[in-house]
C-alpha cells in the first residue's frame, strides 16, 4: 500500500492534480485448510483431473467462511479463462465431475467428523 501511496503522490505532483486515497477494506487474507486442499487434490487425482494449486486473490465468501470452518476452493475451467463475467461459460462436461469431487470431499469430512477443534 505504501508503494501505491508514494507513486500516487509522485503522479499528483508531476501532473499537478490532486489525488485522494482512502482504504475501503483491509480484511486479512484467508488461509485455506491444508486438509481440505489435500482432499480436493486427491479427489481430482482419483477422477484423472489435472489441477494446479493457485493463490486466489478474489474476494470470495471463503474469506469469511474460513473464519468459522475449514475452507478451500475448487475452480473449474471456463472458456477463455473468463469468470465472474457475463460471458463466463463452463462446459457441461466438467460440471458432473466437479460435483462428484465436491460430494466425495463432503463425505470424507462428514464421515470423519472433521472439526476445527
PDB file of N, CA and C in Angstrom:
ATOM      1  N   UNK A   1       0.832  -1.189   0.000  1.00  0.00           N
ATOM      2  CA  UNK A   1       0.000   0.000   0.000  1.00  0.00           C
ATOM      3  C   UNK A   1       0.876   1.251   0.000  1.00  0.00           C
ATOM      4  N   UNK A   2       1.999   1.170   0.702  1.00  0.00           N
ATOM      5  CA  UNK A   2       2.883   2.335   0.762  1.00  0.00           C
ATOM      6  C   UNK A   2       3.435   2.665  -0.620  1.00  0.00           C
ATOM      7  N   UNK A   3       3.746   1.651  -1.412  1.00  0.00           N
ATOM      8  CA  UNK A   3       4.255   1.900  -2.764  1.00  0.00           C
ATOM      9  C   UNK A   3       3.203   2.599  -3.628  1.00  0.00           C
ATOM     10  N   UNK A   4       1.964   2.204  -3.475  1.00  0.00           N
ATOM     11  CA  UNK A   4       0.881   2.840  -4.233  1.00  0.00           C
ATOM     12  C   UNK A   4       0.731   4.288  -3.797  1.00  0.00           C
ATOM     13  N   UNK A   5       0.776   4.523  -2.511  1.00  0.00           N
ATOM     14  CA  UNK A   5       0.653   5.887  -1.982  1.00  0.00           C
ATOM     15  C   UNK A   5       1.804   6.768  -2.474  1.00  0.00           C
ATOM     16  N   UNK A   6       3.013   6.241  -2.441  1.00  0.00           N
ATOM     17  CA  UNK A   6       4.182   7.001  -2.905  1.00  0.00           C
ATOM     18  C   UNK A   6       4.064   7.320  -4.396  1.00  0.00           C
ATOM     19  N   UNK A   7       3.675   6.327  -5.189  1.00  0.00           N
ATOM     20  CA  UNK A   7       3.512   6.548  -6.632  1.00  0.00           C
ATOM     21  C   UNK A   7       2.410   7.559  -6.899  1.00  0.00           C
ATOM     22  N   UNK A   8       1.307   7.472  -6.159  1.00  0.00           N
ATOM     23  CA  UNK A   8       0.199   8.425  -6.334  1.00  0.00           C
ATOM     24  C   UNK A   8       0.658   9.851  -6.051  1.00  0.00           C
ATOM     25  N   UNK A   9       1.425  10.028  -5.003  1.00  0.00           N
ATOM     26  CA  UNK A   9       1.918  11.370  -4.658  1.00  0.00           C
ATOM     27  C   UNK A   9       2.843  11.920  -5.740  1.00  0.00           C
ATOM     28  N   UNK A  10       3.688  11.051  -6.289  1.00  0.00           N
ATOM     29  CA  UNK A  10       4.596  11.479  -7.361  1.00  0.00           C
ATOM     30  C   UNK A  10       3.810  11.885  -8.601  1.00  0.00           C
ATOM     31  N   UNK A  11       2.818  11.106  -8.968  1.00  0.00           N
ATOM     32  CA  UNK A  11       1.983  11.430 -10.131  1.00  0.00           C
ATOM     33  C   UNK A  11       1.214  12.724  -9.883  1.00  0.00           C
ATOM     34  N   UNK A  12       0.685  12.853  -8.694  1.00  0.00           N
ATOM     35  CA  UNK A  12      -0.058  14.063  -8.336  1.00  0.00           C
ATOM     36  C   UNK A  12       0.808  15.303  -8.486  1.00  0.00           C
ATOM     37  N   UNK A  13       2.038  15.240  -7.990  1.00  0.00           N
ATOM     38  CA  UNK A  13       2.945  16.385  -8.072  1.00  0.00           C
ATOM     39  C   UNK A  13       3.346  16.659  -9.521  1.00  0.00           C
ATOM     40  N   UNK A  14       3.675  15.618 -10.259  1.00  0.00           N
ATOM     41  CA  UNK A  14       4.116  15.775 -11.645  1.00  0.00           C
ATOM     42  C   UNK A  14       3.021  16.370 -12.530  1.00  0.00           C
ATOM     43  N   UNK A  15       1.806  15.903 -12.348  1.00  0.00           N
ATOM     44  CA  UNK A  15       0.700  16.351 -13.214  1.00  0.00           C
ATOM     45  C   UNK A  15      -0.109  17.495 -12.615  1.00  0.00           C
ATOM     46  N   UNK A  16       0.237  17.869 -11.400  1.00  0.00           N
ATOM     47  CA  UNK A  16      -0.448  18.960 -10.695  1.00  0.00           C
ATOM     48  C   UNK A  16      -1.956  18.711 -10.596  1.00  0.00           C
ATOM     49  N   UNK A  17      -2.286  17.488 -10.216  1.00  0.00           N
ATOM     50  CA  UNK A  17      -3.684  17.126  -9.977  1.00  0.00           C
ATOM     51  C   UNK A  17      -3.777  16.505  -8.585  1.00  0.00           C
ATOM     52  N   UNK A  18      -4.842  16.810  -7.896  1.00  0.00           N
ATOM     53  CA  UNK A  18      -4.974  16.190  -6.572  1.00  0.00           C
ATOM     54  C   UNK A  18      -5.393  14.718  -6.695  1.00  0.00           C
ATOM     55  N   UNK A  19      -4.815  13.908  -5.860  1.00  0.00           N
ATOM     56  CA  UNK A  19      -5.206  12.506  -5.767  1.00  0.00           C
ATOM     57  C   UNK A  19      -5.496  12.227  -4.304  1.00  0.00           C
ATOM     58  N   UNK A  20      -6.678  11.713  -4.071  1.00  0.00           N
ATOM     59  CA  UNK A  20      -7.066  11.369  -2.708  1.00  0.00           C
ATOM     60  C   UNK A  20      -7.235   9.862  -2.639  1.00  0.00           C
ATOM     61  N   UNK A  21      -6.629   9.250  -1.657  1.00  0.00           N
ATOM     62  CA  UNK A  21      -6.780   7.816  -1.490  1.00  0.00           C
ATOM     63  C   UNK A  21      -7.477   7.538  -0.159  1.00  0.00           C
ATOM     64  N   UNK A  22      -8.197   6.432  -0.163  1.00  0.00           N
ATOM     65  CA  UNK A  22      -8.913   6.029   1.038  1.00  0.00           C
ATOM     66  C   UNK A  22      -8.978   4.506   1.058  1.00  0.00           C
ATOM     67  N   UNK A  23      -8.529   3.911   2.132  1.00  0.00           N
ATOM     68  CA  UNK A  23      -8.609   2.470   2.268  1.00  0.00           C
ATOM     69  C   UNK A  23     -10.046   2.110   2.618  1.00  0.00           C
ATOM     70  N   UNK A  24     -10.675   1.350   1.752  1.00  0.00           N
ATOM     71  CA  UNK A  24     -12.061   0.952   1.975  1.00  0.00           C
ATOM     72  C   UNK A  24     -12.174  -0.402   2.651  1.00  0.00           C
ATOM     73  N   UNK A  25     -11.139  -1.214   2.500  1.00  0.00           N
ATOM     74  CA  UNK A  25     -11.203  -2.547   3.059  1.00  0.00           C
ATOM     75  C   UNK A  25      -9.795  -3.020   3.370  1.00  0.00           C
ATOM     76  N   UNK A  26      -9.639  -3.651   4.503  1.00  0.00           N
ATOM     77  CA  UNK A  26      -8.331  -4.182   4.883  1.00  0.00           C
ATOM     78  C   UNK A  26      -8.469  -5.554   5.543  1.00  0.00           C
ATOM     79  N   UNK A  27      -9.396  -6.371   5.029  1.00  0.00           N
ATOM     80  CA  UNK A  27      -9.557  -7.713   5.575  1.00  0.00           C
ATOM     81  C   UNK A  27      -8.285  -8.521   5.346  1.00  0.00           C
ATOM     82  N   UNK A  28      -7.911  -9.269   6.352  1.00  0.00           N
ATOM     83  CA  UNK A  28      -6.753 -10.155   6.213  1.00  0.00           C
ATOM     84  C   UNK A  28      -7.098 -11.266   5.221  1.00  0.00           C
ATOM     85  N   UNK A  29      -6.114 -11.774   4.497  1.00  0.00           N
ATOM     86  CA  UNK A  29      -6.393 -12.860   3.555  1.00  0.00           C
ATOM     87  C   UNK A  29      -6.786 -14.132   4.291  1.00  0.00           C
ATOM     88  N   UNK A  30      -7.487 -14.987   3.591  1.00  0.00           N
ATOM     89  CA  UNK A  30      -7.895 -16.278   4.156  1.00  0.00           C
ATOM     90  C   UNK A  30      -6.830 -17.317   3.831  1.00  0.00           C
ATOM     91  N   UNK A  31      -6.583 -18.172   4.776  1.00  0.00           N
ATOM     92  CA  UNK A  31      -5.723 -19.326   4.530  1.00  0.00           C
ATOM     93  C   UNK A  31      -6.623 -20.542   4.393  1.00  0.00           C
ATOM     94  N   UNK A  32      -6.458 -21.245   3.294  1.00  0.00           N
ATOM     95  CA  UNK A  32      -7.242 -22.459   3.107  1.00  0.00           C
ATOM     96  C   UNK A  32      -6.688 -23.562   3.998  1.00  0.00           C
ATOM     97  N   UNK A  33      -7.567 -24.448   4.407  1.00  0.00           N
ATOM     98  CA  UNK A  33      -7.190 -25.540   5.303  1.00  0.00           C
ATOM     99  C   UNK A  33      -6.402 -26.603   4.541  1.00  0.00           C
ATOM    100  N   UNK A  34      -5.198 -26.927   4.986  1.00  0.00           N
ATOM    101  CA  UNK A  34      -4.393 -27.938   4.288  1.00  0.00           C
ATOM    102  C   UNK A  34      -5.121 -29.266   4.098  1.00  0.00           C
ATOM    103  N   UNK A  35      -5.894 -29.689   5.086  1.00  0.00           N
ATOM    104  CA  UNK A  35      -6.615 -30.972   4.967  1.00  0.00           C
ATOM    105  C   UNK A  35      -7.654 -30.918   3.848  1.00  0.00           C
ATOM    106  N   UNK A  36      -8.295 -29.777   3.662  1.00  0.00           N
ATOM    107  CA  UNK A  36      -9.304 -29.644   2.611  1.00  0.00           C
ATOM    108  C   UNK A  36      -8.622 -29.581   1.250  1.00  0.00           C
ATOM    109  N   UNK A  37      -7.524 -28.866   1.180  1.00  0.00           N
ATOM    110  CA  UNK A  37      -6.758 -28.800  -0.068  1.00  0.00           C
ATOM    111  C   UNK A  37      -6.286 -30.194  -0.458  1.00  0.00           C
ATOM    112  N   UNK A  38      -5.779 -30.943   0.508  1.00  0.00           N
ATOM    113  CA  UNK A  38      -5.316 -32.301   0.240  1.00  0.00           C
ATOM    114  C   UNK A  38      -6.464 -33.179  -0.255  1.00  0.00           C
ATOM    115  N   UNK A  39      -7.616 -33.058   0.381  1.00  0.00           N
ATOM    116  CA  UNK A  39      -8.771 -33.861  -0.031  1.00  0.00           C
ATOM    117  C   UNK A  39      -9.222 -33.495  -1.442  1.00  0.00           C
ATOM    118  N   UNK A  40      -9.241 -32.216  -1.766  1.00  0.00           N
ATOM    119  CA  UNK A  40      -9.607 -31.801  -3.126  1.00  0.00           C
ATOM    120  C   UNK A  40      -8.603 -32.349  -4.134  1.00  0.00           C
ATOM    121  N   UNK A  41      -7.330 -32.260  -3.805  1.00  0.00           N
ATOM    122  CA  UNK A  41      -6.288 -32.761  -4.708  1.00  0.00           C
ATOM    123  C   UNK A  41      -6.461 -34.251  -4.949  1.00  0.00           C
ATOM    124  N   UNK A  42      -6.697 -35.006  -3.884  1.00  0.00           N
ATOM    125  CA  UNK A  42      -6.888 -36.452  -4.017  1.00  0.00           C
ATOM    126  C   UNK A  42      -8.122 -36.772  -4.857  1.00  0.00           C
ATOM    127  N   UNK A  43      -9.178 -36.010  -4.673  1.00  0.00           N
ATOM    128  CA  UNK A  43     -10.395 -36.235  -5.443  1.00  0.00           C
ATOM    129  C   UNK A  43     -10.152 -35.962  -6.921  1.00  0.00           C
ATOM    130  N   UNK A  44      -9.449 -34.890  -7.217  1.00  0.00           N
ATOM    131  CA  UNK A  44      -9.127 -34.584  -8.618  1.00  0.00           C
ATOM    132  C   UNK A  44      -8.271 -35.692  -9.224  1.00  0.00           C
ATOM    133  N   UNK A  45      -7.277 -36.143  -8.481  1.00  0.00           N
ATOM    134  CA  UNK A  45      -6.415 -37.213  -8.979  1.00  0.00           C
ATOM    135  C   UNK A  45      -7.216 -38.489  -9.231  1.00  0.00           C
ATOM    136  N   UNK A  46      -8.126 -38.811  -8.318  1.00  0.00           N
ATOM    137  CA  UNK A  46      -8.946 -40.013  -8.463  1.00  0.00           C
ATOM    138  C   UNK A  46      -9.769 -39.967  -9.745  1.00  0.00           C
ATOM    139  N   UNK A  47     -10.213 -38.788 -10.139  1.00  0.00           N
ATOM    140  CA  UNK A  47     -11.023 -38.628 -11.345  1.00  0.00           C
ATOM    141  C   UNK A  47     -10.180 -38.234 -12.556  1.00  0.00           C
ATOM    142  N   UNK A  48      -8.867 -38.377 -12.431  1.00  0.00           N
ATOM    143  CA  UNK A  48      -7.926 -38.064 -13.518  1.00  0.00           C
ATOM    144  C   UNK A  48      -8.080 -36.630 -14.021  1.00  0.00           C
ATOM    145  N   UNK A  49      -8.316 -35.719 -13.101  1.00  0.00           N
ATOM    146  CA  UNK A  49      -8.425 -34.301 -13.465  1.00  0.00           C
ATOM    147  C   UNK A  49      -7.103 -33.598 -13.194  1.00  0.00           C
ATOM    148  N   UNK A  50      -6.646 -32.874 -14.192  1.00  0.00           N
ATOM    149  CA  UNK A  50      -5.455 -32.062 -13.972  1.00  0.00           C
ATOM    150  C   UNK A  50      -5.841 -30.889 -13.080  1.00  0.00           C
ATOM    151  N   UNK A  51      -4.946 -30.513 -12.207  1.00  0.00           N
ATOM    152  CA  UNK A  51      -5.219 -29.366 -11.351  1.00  0.00           C
ATOM    153  C   UNK A  51      -3.920 -28.641 -11.036  1.00  0.00           C
ATOM    154  N   UNK A  52      -4.059 -27.397 -10.714  1.00  0.00           N
ATOM    155  CA  UNK A  52      -2.922 -26.562 -10.354  1.00  0.00           C
ATOM    156  C   UNK A  52      -3.284 -25.819  -9.076  1.00  0.00           C
ATOM    157  N   UNK A  53      -2.545 -26.036  -8.000  1.00  0.00           N
ATOM    158  CA  UNK A  53      -2.810 -25.233  -6.799  1.00  0.00           C
ATOM    159  C   UNK A  53      -2.472 -23.770  -7.087  1.00  0.00           C
ATOM    160  N   UNK A  54      -3.377 -22.890  -6.750  1.00  0.00           N
ATOM    161  CA  UNK A  54      -3.160 -21.464  -7.007  1.00  0.00           C
ATOM    162  C   UNK A  54      -3.524 -20.658  -5.765  1.00  0.00           C
ATOM    163  N   UNK A  55      -3.037 -19.452  -5.741  1.00  0.00           N
ATOM    164  CA  UNK A  55      -3.451 -18.486  -4.728  1.00  0.00           C
ATOM    165  C   UNK A  55      -4.519 -17.624  -5.374  1.00  0.00           C
ATOM    166  N   UNK A  56      -5.660 -17.530  -4.736  1.00  0.00           N
ATOM    167  CA  UNK A  56      -6.725 -16.685  -5.270  1.00  0.00           C
ATOM    168  C   UNK A  56      -6.736 -15.378  -4.497  1.00  0.00           C
ATOM    169  N   UNK A  57      -6.700 -14.310  -5.214  1.00  0.00           N
ATOM    170  CA  UNK A  57      -6.777 -13.004  -4.576  1.00  0.00           C
ATOM    171  C   UNK A  57      -8.212 -12.466  -4.644  1.00  0.00           C
ATOM    172  N   UNK A  58      -9.101 -13.330  -5.064  1.00  0.00           N
ATOM    173  CA  UNK A  58     -10.505 -12.923  -5.188  1.00  0.00           C
ATOM    174  C   UNK A  58     -11.126 -12.734  -3.810  1.00  0.00           C
ATOM    175  N   UNK A  59     -12.119 -11.918  -3.752  1.00  0.00           N
ATOM    176  CA  UNK A  59     -12.805 -11.620  -2.503  1.00  0.00           C
ATOM    177  C   UNK A  59     -14.042 -12.496  -2.429  1.00  0.00           C
ATOM    178  N   UNK A  60     -13.815 -13.772  -2.115  1.00  0.00           N
ATOM    179  CA  UNK A  60     -14.872 -14.776  -2.115  1.00  0.00           C
ATOM    180  C   UNK A  60     -15.515 -14.923  -0.754  1.00  0.00           C
ATOM    181  N   UNK A  61     -16.647 -15.619  -0.751  1.00  0.00           N
ATOM    182  CA  UNK A  61     -17.285 -15.976   0.518  1.00  0.00           C
ATOM    183  C   UNK A  61     -16.326 -16.772   1.394  1.00  0.00           C
ATOM    184  N   UNK A  62     -15.400 -17.474   0.754  1.00  0.00           N
ATOM    185  CA  UNK A  62     -14.473 -18.302   1.525  1.00  0.00           C
ATOM    186  C   UNK A  62     -13.642 -17.469   2.491  1.00  0.00           C
ATOM    187  N   UNK A  63     -13.442 -16.203   2.175  1.00  0.00           N
ATOM    188  CA  UNK A  63     -12.707 -15.325   3.085  1.00  0.00           C
ATOM    189  C   UNK A  63     -13.383 -15.298   4.451  1.00  0.00           C
ATOM    190  N   UNK A  64     -14.685 -15.247   4.450  1.00  0.00           N
ATOM    191  CA  UNK A  64     -15.431 -15.163   5.703  1.00  0.00           C
ATOM    192  C   UNK A  64     -15.709 -16.544   6.288  1.00  0.00           C
ATOM    193  N   UNK A  65     -15.967 -17.517   5.428  1.00  0.00           N
ATOM    194  CA  UNK A  65     -16.219 -18.878   5.909  1.00  0.00           C
ATOM    195  C   UNK A  65     -14.978 -19.452   6.586  1.00  0.00           C
ATOM    196  N   UNK A  66     -13.806 -19.076   6.107  1.00  0.00           N
ATOM    197  CA  UNK A  66     -12.568 -19.625   6.678  1.00  0.00           C
ATOM    198  C   UNK A  66     -12.380 -19.221   8.131  1.00  0.00           C
ATOM    199  N   UNK A  67     -13.102 -18.221   8.566  1.00  0.00           N
ATOM    200  CA  UNK A  67     -13.016 -17.785   9.961  1.00  0.00           C
ATOM    201  C   UNK A  67     -13.766 -18.730  10.897  1.00  0.00           C
ATOM    202  N   UNK A  68     -14.693 -19.527  10.335  1.00  0.00           N
ATOM    203  CA  UNK A  68     -15.503 -20.394  11.179  1.00  0.00           C
ATOM    204  C   UNK A  68     -15.432 -21.870  10.781  1.00  0.00           C
ATOM    205  N   UNK A  69     -14.849 -22.168   9.619  1.00  0.00           N
ATOM    206  CA  UNK A  69     -14.804 -23.563   9.161  1.00  0.00           C
ATOM    207  C   UNK A  69     -13.604 -23.764   8.238  1.00  0.00           C
ATOM    208  N   UNK A  70     -13.103 -24.996   8.162  1.00  0.00           N
ATOM    209  CA  UNK A  70     -12.012 -25.287   7.223  1.00  0.00           C
ATOM    210  C   UNK A  70     -12.488 -25.009   5.797  1.00  0.00           C
ATOM    211  N   UNK A  71     -11.666 -24.353   5.030  1.00  0.00           N
ATOM    212  CA  UNK A  71     -12.096 -23.856   3.729  1.00  0.00           C
ATOM    213  C   UNK A  71     -11.045 -24.112   2.655  1.00  0.00           C
ATOM    214  N   UNK A  72     -11.514 -24.329   1.452  1.00  0.00           N
ATOM    215  CA  UNK A  72     -10.679 -24.334   0.245  1.00  0.00           C
ATOM    216  C   UNK A  72     -11.618 -24.055  -0.921  1.00  0.00           C
ATOM    217  N   UNK A  73     -11.067 -23.803  -2.079  1.00  0.00           N
ATOM    218  CA  UNK A  73     -11.890 -23.508  -3.251  1.00  0.00           C
ATOM    219  C   UNK A  73     -11.484 -24.427  -4.392  1.00  0.00           C
ATOM    220  N   UNK A  74     -12.474 -24.795  -5.170  1.00  0.00           N
ATOM    221  CA  UNK A  74     -12.251 -25.588  -6.368  1.00  0.00           C
ATOM    222  C   UNK A  74     -12.723 -24.748  -7.550  1.00  0.00           C
ATOM    223  N   UNK A  75     -11.785 -24.311  -8.359  1.00  0.00           N
ATOM    224  CA  UNK A  75     -12.121 -23.537  -9.546  1.00  0.00           C
ATOM    225  C   UNK A  75     -12.198 -24.492 -10.726  1.00  0.00           C
ATOM    226  N   UNK A  76     -13.213 -24.327 -11.544  1.00  0.00           N
ATOM    227  CA  UNK A  76     -13.335 -25.155 -12.736  1.00  0.00           C
ATOM    228  C   UNK A  76     -12.924 -24.324 -13.944  1.00  0.00           C
ATOM    229  N   UNK A  77     -12.439 -24.974 -14.985  1.00  0.00           N
ATOM    230  CA  UNK A  77     -12.018 -24.216 -16.162  1.00  0.00           C
ATOM    231  C   UNK A  77     -13.206 -23.591 -16.881  1.00  0.00           C
ATOM    232  N   UNK A  78     -13.049 -22.345 -17.238  1.00  0.00           N
ATOM    233  CA  UNK A  78     -14.059 -21.626 -18.014  1.00  0.00           C
ATOM    234  C   UNK A  78     -13.444 -21.212 -19.344  1.00  0.00           C
ATOM    235  N   UNK A  79     -14.293 -21.121 -20.357  1.00  0.00           N
ATOM    236  CA  UNK A  79     -13.830 -20.742 -21.695  1.00  0.00           C
ATOM    237  C   UNK A  79     -13.061 -19.424 -21.622  1.00  0.00           C
ATOM    238  N   UNK A  80     -11.901 -19.395 -22.232  1.00  0.00           N
ATOM    239  CA  UNK A  80     -11.016 -18.234 -22.297  1.00  0.00           C
ATOM    240  C   UNK A  80     -10.558 -17.757 -20.921  1.00  0.00           C
ATOM    241  N   UNK A  81     -10.794 -18.556 -19.884  1.00  0.00           N
ATOM    242  CA  UNK A  81     -10.386 -18.155 -18.544  1.00  0.00           C
ATOM    243  C   UNK A  81     -11.278 -17.100 -17.918  1.00  0.00           C
ATOM    244  N   UNK A  82     -12.415 -16.812 -18.562  1.00  0.00           N
ATOM    245  CA  UNK A  82     -13.311 -15.758 -18.069  1.00  0.00           C
ATOM    246  C   UNK A  82     -14.198 -16.284 -16.957  1.00  0.00           C
ATOM    247  N   UNK A  83     -14.181 -15.601 -15.846  1.00  0.00           N
ATOM    248  CA  UNK A  83     -15.002 -15.982 -14.713  1.00  0.00           C
ATOM    249  C   UNK A  83     -15.603 -14.725 -14.102  1.00  0.00           C
ATOM    250  N   UNK A  84     -16.786 -14.869 -13.544  1.00  0.00           N
ATOM    251  CA  UNK A  84     -17.490 -13.739 -12.928  1.00  0.00           C
ATOM    252  C   UNK A  84     -17.712 -12.612 -13.937  1.00  0.00           C
ATOM    253  N   UNK A  85     -18.054 -13.002 -15.143  1.00  0.00           N
ATOM    254  CA  UNK A  85     -18.368 -12.051 -16.212  1.00  0.00           C
ATOM    255  C   UNK A  85     -19.603 -12.556 -16.938  1.00  0.00           C
ATOM    256  N   UNK A  86     -20.301 -11.671 -17.630  1.00  0.00           N
ATOM    257  CA  UNK A  86     -21.495 -12.121 -18.367  1.00  0.00           C
ATOM    258  C   UNK A  86     -21.188 -13.199 -19.404  1.00  0.00           C
ATOM    259  N   UNK A  87     -19.979 -13.195 -19.967  1.00  0.00           N
ATOM    260  CA  UNK A  87     -19.639 -14.185 -20.999  1.00  0.00           C
ATOM    261  C   UNK A  87     -18.939 -15.416 -20.420  1.00  0.00           C
ATOM    262  N   UNK A  88     -19.039 -15.603 -19.105  1.00  0.00           N
ATOM    263  CA  UNK A  88     -18.472 -16.809 -18.492  1.00  0.00           C
ATOM    264  C   UNK A  88     -19.202 -18.032 -19.033  1.00  0.00           C
ATOM    265  N   UNK A  89     -18.438 -19.100 -19.313  1.00  0.00           N
ATOM    266  CA  UNK A  89     -19.030 -20.337 -19.797  1.00  0.00           C
ATOM    267  C   UNK A  89     -18.194 -21.512 -19.308  1.00  0.00           C
ATOM    268  N   UNK A  90     -18.849 -22.489 -18.727  1.00  0.00           N
ATOM    269  CA  UNK A  90     -18.193 -23.734 -18.331  1.00  0.00           C
ATOM    270  C   UNK A  90     -18.881 -24.871 -19.083  1.00  0.00           C
ATOM    271  N   UNK A  91     -18.076 -25.743 -19.627  1.00  0.00           N
ATOM    272  CA  UNK A  91     -18.614 -26.874 -20.373  1.00  0.00           C
ATOM    273  C   UNK A  91     -19.456 -27.762 -19.470  1.00  0.00           C
ATOM    274  N   UNK A  92     -20.545 -28.257 -20.033  1.00  0.00           N
ATOM    275  CA  UNK A  92     -21.399 -29.182 -19.272  1.00  0.00           C
ATOM    276  C   UNK A  92     -20.644 -30.467 -18.936  1.00  0.00           C
ATOM    277  N   UNK A  93     -19.562 -30.735 -19.638  1.00  0.00           N
ATOM    278  CA  UNK A  93     -18.787 -31.955 -19.383  1.00  0.00           C
ATOM    279  C   UNK A  93     -18.060 -31.881 -18.043  1.00  0.00           C
ATOM    280  N   UNK A  94     -17.625 -30.691 -17.639  1.00  0.00           N
ATOM    281  CA  UNK A  94     -16.852 -30.564 -16.405  1.00  0.00           C
ATOM    282  C   UNK A  94     -17.749 -30.524 -15.167  1.00  0.00           C
ATOM    283  N   UNK A  95     -18.969 -30.067 -15.306  1.00  0.00           N
ATOM    284  CA  UNK A  95     -19.826 -29.880 -14.133  1.00  0.00           C
ATOM    285  C   UNK A  95     -20.133 -31.172 -13.373  1.00  0.00           C
ATOM    286  N   UNK A  96     -20.478 -32.275 -14.026  1.00  0.00           N
ATOM    287  CA  UNK A  96     -20.706 -33.509 -13.261  1.00  0.00           C
ATOM    288  C   UNK A  96     -19.455 -33.984 -12.529  1.00  0.00           C
ATOM    289  N   UNK A  97     -18.293 -33.791 -13.132  1.00  0.00           N
ATOM    290  CA  UNK A  97     -17.042 -34.198 -12.491  1.00  0.00           C
ATOM    291  C   UNK A  97     -16.794 -33.334 -11.259  1.00  0.00           C
ATOM    292  N   UNK A  98     -17.045 -32.046 -11.392  1.00  0.00           N
ATOM    293  CA  UNK A  98     -16.874 -31.136 -10.255  1.00  0.00           C
ATOM    294  C   UNK A  98     -17.800 -31.538  -9.122  1.00  0.00           C
ATOM    295  N   UNK A  99     -19.029 -31.880  -9.449  1.00  0.00           N
ATOM    296  CA  UNK A  99     -19.987 -32.291  -8.408  1.00  0.00           C
ATOM    297  C   UNK A  99     -19.530 -33.570  -7.712  1.00  0.00           C
ATOM    298  N   UNK A 100     -19.012 -34.533  -8.487  1.00  0.00           N
ATOM    299  CA  UNK A 100     -18.522 -35.779  -7.872  1.00  0.00           C
ATOM    300  C   UNK A 100     -17.369 -35.478  -6.917  1.00  0.00           C
ATOM    301  N   UNK A 101     -16.448 -34.621  -7.341  1.00  0.00           N
ATOM    302  CA  UNK A 101     -15.316 -34.260  -6.482  1.00  0.00           C
ATOM    303  C   UNK A 101     -15.818 -33.589  -5.207  1.00  0.00           C
ATOM    304  N   UNK A 102     -16.754 -32.682  -5.342  1.00  0.00           N
ATOM    305  CA  UNK A 102     -17.285 -31.971  -4.182  1.00  0.00           C
ATOM    306  C   UNK A 102     -18.020 -32.915  -3.239  1.00  0.00           C
ATOM    307  N   UNK A 103     -18.837 -33.815  -3.792  1.00  0.00           N
ATOM    308  CA  UNK A 103     -19.577 -34.769  -2.951  1.00  0.00           C
ATOM    309  C   UNK A 103     -18.629 -35.666  -2.168  1.00  0.00           C
ATOM    310  N   UNK A 104     -17.599 -36.155  -2.844  1.00  0.00           N
ATOM    311  CA  UNK A 104     -16.638 -37.021  -2.164  1.00  0.00           C
ATOM    312  C   UNK A 104     -15.917 -36.259  -1.056  1.00  0.00           C
ATOM    313  N   UNK A 105     -15.629 -35.014  -1.307  1.00  0.00           N
ATOM    314  CA  UNK A 105     -14.973 -34.188  -0.297  1.00  0.00           C
ATOM    315  C   UNK A 105     -15.864 -34.054   0.933  1.00  0.00           C
ATOM    316  N   UNK A 106     -17.137 -33.711   0.714  1.00  0.00           N
ATOM    317  CA  UNK A 106     -18.066 -33.563   1.835  1.00  0.00           C
ATOM    318  C   UNK A 106     -18.204 -34.861   2.604  1.00  0.00           C
ATOM    319  N   UNK A 107     -18.356 -35.977   1.881  1.00  0.00           N
ATOM    320  CA  UNK A 107     -18.492 -37.273   2.561  1.00  0.00           C
ATOM    321  C   UNK A 107     -17.282 -37.573   3.426  1.00  0.00           C
ATOM    322  N   UNK A 108     -16.116 -37.298   2.876  1.00  0.00           N
ATOM    323  CA  UNK A 108     -14.876 -37.581   3.616  1.00  0.00           C
ATOM    324  C   UNK A 108     -14.863 -36.841   4.948  1.00  0.00           C
ATOM    325  N   UNK A 109     -15.203 -35.576   4.922  1.00  0.00           N
ATOM    326  CA  UNK A 109     -15.130 -34.799   6.150  1.00  0.00           C
ATOM    327  C   UNK A 109     -16.282 -35.079   7.091  1.00  0.00           C
ATOM    328  N   UNK A 110     -17.452 -35.288   6.553  1.00  0.00           N
ATOM    329  CA  UNK A 110     -18.584 -35.593   7.420  1.00  0.00           C
ATOM    330  C   UNK A 110     -18.442 -36.978   8.062  1.00  0.00           C
ATOM    331  N   UNK A 111     -17.976 -37.944   7.288  1.00  0.00           N
ATOM    332  CA  UNK A 111     -17.780 -39.288   7.829  1.00  0.00           C
ATOM    333  C   UNK A 111     -16.687 -39.349   8.884  1.00  0.00           C
ATOM    334  N   UNK A 112     -15.725 -38.473   8.771  1.00  0.00           N
ATOM    335  CA  UNK A 112     -14.619 -38.456   9.741  1.00  0.00           C
ATOM    336  C   UNK A 112     -14.862 -37.469  10.867  1.00  0.00           C
ATOM    337  N   UNK A 113     -16.062 -36.892  10.904  1.00  0.00           N
ATOM    338  CA  UNK A 113     -16.409 -35.909  11.943  1.00  0.00           C
ATOM    339  C   UNK A 113     -15.336 -34.840  12.067  1.00  0.00           C
ATOM    340  N   UNK A 114     -14.890 -34.358  10.913  1.00  0.00           N
ATOM    341  CA  UNK A 114     -13.853 -33.321  10.879  1.00  0.00           C
ATOM    342  C   UNK A 114     -14.373 -32.077  11.592  1.00  0.00           C
ATOM    343  N   UNK A 115     -13.549 -31.492  12.418  1.00  0.00           N
ATOM    344  CA  UNK A 115     -13.955 -30.269  13.101  1.00  0.00           C
ATOM    345  C   UNK A 115     -12.757 -29.356  13.298  1.00  0.00           C
ATOM    346  N   UNK A 116     -13.011 -28.165  13.738  1.00  0.00           N
ATOM    347  CA  UNK A 116     -11.948 -27.185  13.936  1.00  0.00           C
ATOM    348  C   UNK A 116     -11.104 -27.479  15.165  1.00  0.00           C
ATOM    349  N   UNK A 117     -11.715 -28.085  16.175  1.00  0.00           N
ATOM    350  CA  UNK A 117     -11.107 -28.195  17.474  1.00  0.00           C
ATOM    351  C   UNK A 117      -9.935 -29.076  17.582  1.00  0.00           C
TER     352      UNK A 117
END
